[in-house]
Amino acid sequence: MGVANKVGDYAFKAVTAGLGLATIYLTATLSVNFYRGFSWHHAQSKLERQDSKDQSQAP
């Protein structure tokens, strides 16, 4: 096996590892962003329900 084959193998392994790490990072950040979005939406809905309840009880 020549030097060029070894360099090519290491380059392929480096690119593959980089893609794997990028996939893991993007999956984690997407999950966190979905969680934050759902939490924010739930909080907004809760505030809207509370506001409408307060307005209906106002004299």
N, C-alpha and C. Protein backbone atom coordinates (compact mmCIF):
# COMPACT_ATOMS: atom_id res chain seq x y z
N MET A 1 0.85 -1.17 0.00
CA MET A 1 0.00 0.00 0.00
C MET A 1 0.89 1.23 0.00
N GLY A 2 0.63 2.13 -0.93
CA GLY A 2 1.47 3.31 -1.08
C GLY A 2 1.10 4.41 -0.10
N VAL A 3 1.94 5.42 -0.12
CA VAL A 3 1.73 6.57 0.76
C VAL A 3 0.45 7.30 0.38
N ALA A 4 0.17 7.40 -0.90
CA ALA A 4 -1.04 8.10 -1.36
C ALA A 4 -2.29 7.39 -0.86
N ASN A 5 -2.27 6.07 -0.84
CA ASN A 5 -3.43 5.32 -0.33
C ASN A 5 -3.65 5.59 1.15
N LYS A 6 -2.55 5.64 1.92
CA LYS A 6 -2.67 5.92 3.35
C LYS A 6 -3.21 7.32 3.59
N VAL A 7 -2.72 8.29 2.83
CA VAL A 7 -3.19 9.67 2.96
C VAL A 7 -4.67 9.74 2.61
N GLY A 8 -5.05 9.05 1.56
CA GLY A 8 -6.46 9.03 1.16
C GLY A 8 -7.33 8.39 2.21
N ASP A 9 -6.85 7.31 2.80
CA ASP A 9 -7.60 6.64 3.87
C ASP A 9 -7.78 7.55 5.08
N TYR A 10 -6.70 8.22 5.48
CA TYR A 10 -6.80 9.12 6.63
C TYR A 10 -7.71 10.32 6.33
N ALA A 11 -7.63 10.82 5.11
CA ALA A 11 -8.51 11.94 4.73
C ALA A 11 -9.97 11.50 4.76
N PHE A 12 -10.25 10.32 4.25
CA PHE A 12 -11.62 9.80 4.26
C PHE A 12 -12.11 9.60 5.69
N LYS A 13 -11.26 9.06 6.55
CA LYS A 13 -11.64 8.85 7.94
C LYS A 13 -11.88 10.19 8.65
N ALA A 14 -11.06 11.19 8.34
CA ALA A 14 -11.23 12.50 8.96
C ALA A 14 -12.54 13.15 8.51
N VAL A 15 -12.83 13.07 7.22
CA VAL A 15 -14.08 13.64 6.71
C VAL A 15 -15.28 12.90 7.29
N THR A 16 -15.21 11.59 7.36
CA THR A 16 -16.31 10.79 7.90
C THR A 16 -16.52 11.12 9.38
N ALA A 17 -15.44 11.25 10.13
CA ALA A 17 -15.56 11.60 11.55
C ALA A 17 -16.15 13.00 11.71
N GLY A 18 -15.72 13.92 10.87
CA GLY A 18 -16.26 15.28 10.91
C GLY A 18 -17.76 15.30 10.61
N LEU A 19 -18.17 14.53 9.62
CA LEU A 19 -19.60 14.46 9.30
C LEU A 19 -20.39 13.82 10.45
N GLY A 20 -19.81 12.83 11.08
CA GLY A 20 -20.48 12.20 12.22
C GLY A 20 -20.64 13.17 13.38
N LEU A 21 -19.59 13.93 13.68
CA LEU A 21 -19.68 14.92 14.75
C LEU A 21 -20.67 16.03 14.40
N ALA A 22 -20.68 16.46 13.15
CA ALA A 22 -21.63 17.48 12.73
C ALA A 22 -23.06 16.98 12.86
N THR A 23 -23.28 15.73 12.52
CA THR A 23 -24.62 15.13 12.65
C THR A 23 -25.06 15.08 14.10
N ILE A 24 -24.16 14.66 14.97
CA ILE A 24 -24.48 14.60 16.41
C ILE A 24 -24.77 16.00 16.94
N TYR A 25 -23.95 16.98 16.57
CA TYR A 25 -24.14 18.36 17.03
C TYR A 25 -25.48 18.91 16.54
N LEU A 26 -25.77 18.73 15.26
CA LEU A 26 -27.02 19.26 14.71
C LEU A 26 -28.24 18.57 15.31
N THR A 27 -28.14 17.28 15.57
CA THR A 27 -29.25 16.56 16.20
C THR A 27 -29.49 17.08 17.61
N ALA A 28 -28.42 17.31 18.35
CA ALA A 28 -28.55 17.82 19.72
C ALA A 28 -29.14 19.22 19.73
N THR A 29 -28.64 20.11 18.87
CA THR A 29 -29.14 21.47 18.87
C THR A 29 -30.59 21.52 18.37
N LEU A 30 -30.94 20.69 17.42
CA LEU A 30 -32.32 20.65 16.95
C LEU A 30 -33.25 20.20 18.08
N SER A 31 -32.83 19.18 18.82
CA SER A 31 -33.64 18.70 19.93
C SER A 31 -33.82 19.79 20.98
N VAL A 32 -32.75 20.49 21.31
CA VAL A 32 -32.83 21.57 22.30
C VAL A 32 -33.74 22.68 21.80
N ASN A 33 -33.63 23.03 20.53
CA ASN A 33 -34.47 24.10 19.99
C ASN A 33 -35.93 23.70 19.95
N PHE A 34 -36.23 22.46 19.63
CA PHE A 34 -37.62 21.99 19.68
C PHE A 34 -38.15 22.07 21.09
N TYR A 35 -37.35 21.64 22.07
CA TYR A 35 -37.78 21.68 23.46
C TYR A 35 -38.05 23.12 23.89
N ARG A 36 -37.15 24.04 23.56
CA ARG A 36 -37.35 25.44 23.92
C ARG A 36 -38.58 26.01 23.24
N GLY A 37 -38.79 25.66 21.99
CA GLY A 37 -39.95 26.16 21.27
C GLY A 37 -41.25 25.65 21.85
N PHE A 38 -41.31 24.37 22.17
CA PHE A 38 -42.52 23.82 22.77
C PHE A 38 -42.77 24.41 24.15
N SER A 39 -41.69 24.61 24.93
CA SER A 39 -41.84 25.21 26.25
C SER A 39 -42.35 26.64 26.13
N TRP A 40 -41.80 27.40 25.19
CA TRP A 40 -42.24 28.78 24.99
C TRP A 40 -43.70 28.81 24.56
N HIS A 41 -44.05 27.95 23.63
CA HIS A 41 -45.44 27.92 23.15
C HIS A 41 -46.39 27.55 24.28
N HIS A 42 -46.01 26.59 25.11
CA HIS A 42 -46.85 26.18 26.24
C HIS A 42 -47.02 27.35 27.21
N ALA A 43 -45.93 28.08 27.48
CA ALA A 43 -46.00 29.22 28.40
C ALA A 43 -46.90 30.31 27.82
N GLN A 44 -46.83 30.55 26.52
CA GLN A 44 -47.68 31.57 25.90
C GLN A 44 -49.14 31.16 25.98
N SER A 45 -49.42 29.91 25.72
CA SER A 45 -50.80 29.42 25.78
C SER A 45 -51.33 29.53 27.20
N LYS A 46 -50.48 29.23 28.18
CA LYS A 46 -50.88 29.32 29.58
C LYS A 46 -51.19 30.76 29.94
N LEU A 47 -50.36 31.70 29.48
CA LEU A 47 -50.61 33.12 29.75
C LEU A 47 -51.90 33.59 29.09
N GLU A 48 -52.15 33.15 27.87
CA GLU A 48 -53.38 33.54 27.18
C GLU A 48 -54.61 33.01 27.91
N ARG A 49 -54.55 31.78 28.38
CA ARG A 49 -55.67 31.22 29.13
C ARG A 49 -55.89 31.99 30.43
N GLN A 50 -54.78 32.33 31.09
CA GLN A 50 -54.88 33.06 32.34
C GLN A 50 -55.44 34.47 32.10
N ASP A 51 -55.00 35.15 31.04
CA ASP A 51 -55.50 36.48 30.72
C ASP A 51 -56.98 36.45 30.40
N SER A 52 -57.40 35.47 29.61
CA SER A 52 -58.81 35.41 29.26
C SER A 52 -59.66 35.08 30.48
N LYS A 53 -59.11 34.29 31.41
CA LYS A 53 -59.83 33.97 32.64
C LYS A 53 -59.94 35.22 33.51
N ASP A 54 -58.86 36.01 33.59
CA ASP A 54 -58.88 37.23 34.38
C ASP A 54 -59.83 38.26 33.80
N GLN A 55 -59.90 38.36 32.48
CA GLN A 55 -60.79 39.31 31.84
C GLN A 55 -62.24 38.92 32.02
N SER A 56 -62.52 37.64 32.04
CA SER A 56 -63.91 37.21 32.21
C SER A 56 -64.38 37.41 33.65
N GLN A 57 -63.45 37.46 34.60
CA GLN A 57 -63.81 37.65 36.00
C GLN A 57 -63.79 39.12 36.41
N ALA A 58 -63.28 40.00 35.55
CA ALA A 58 -63.21 41.42 35.87
C ALA A 58 -64.60 42.02 35.94
N PRO A 59 -64.84 42.90 36.94
CA PRO A 59 -66.19 43.49 37.09
C PRO A 59 -66.51 44.51 36.04
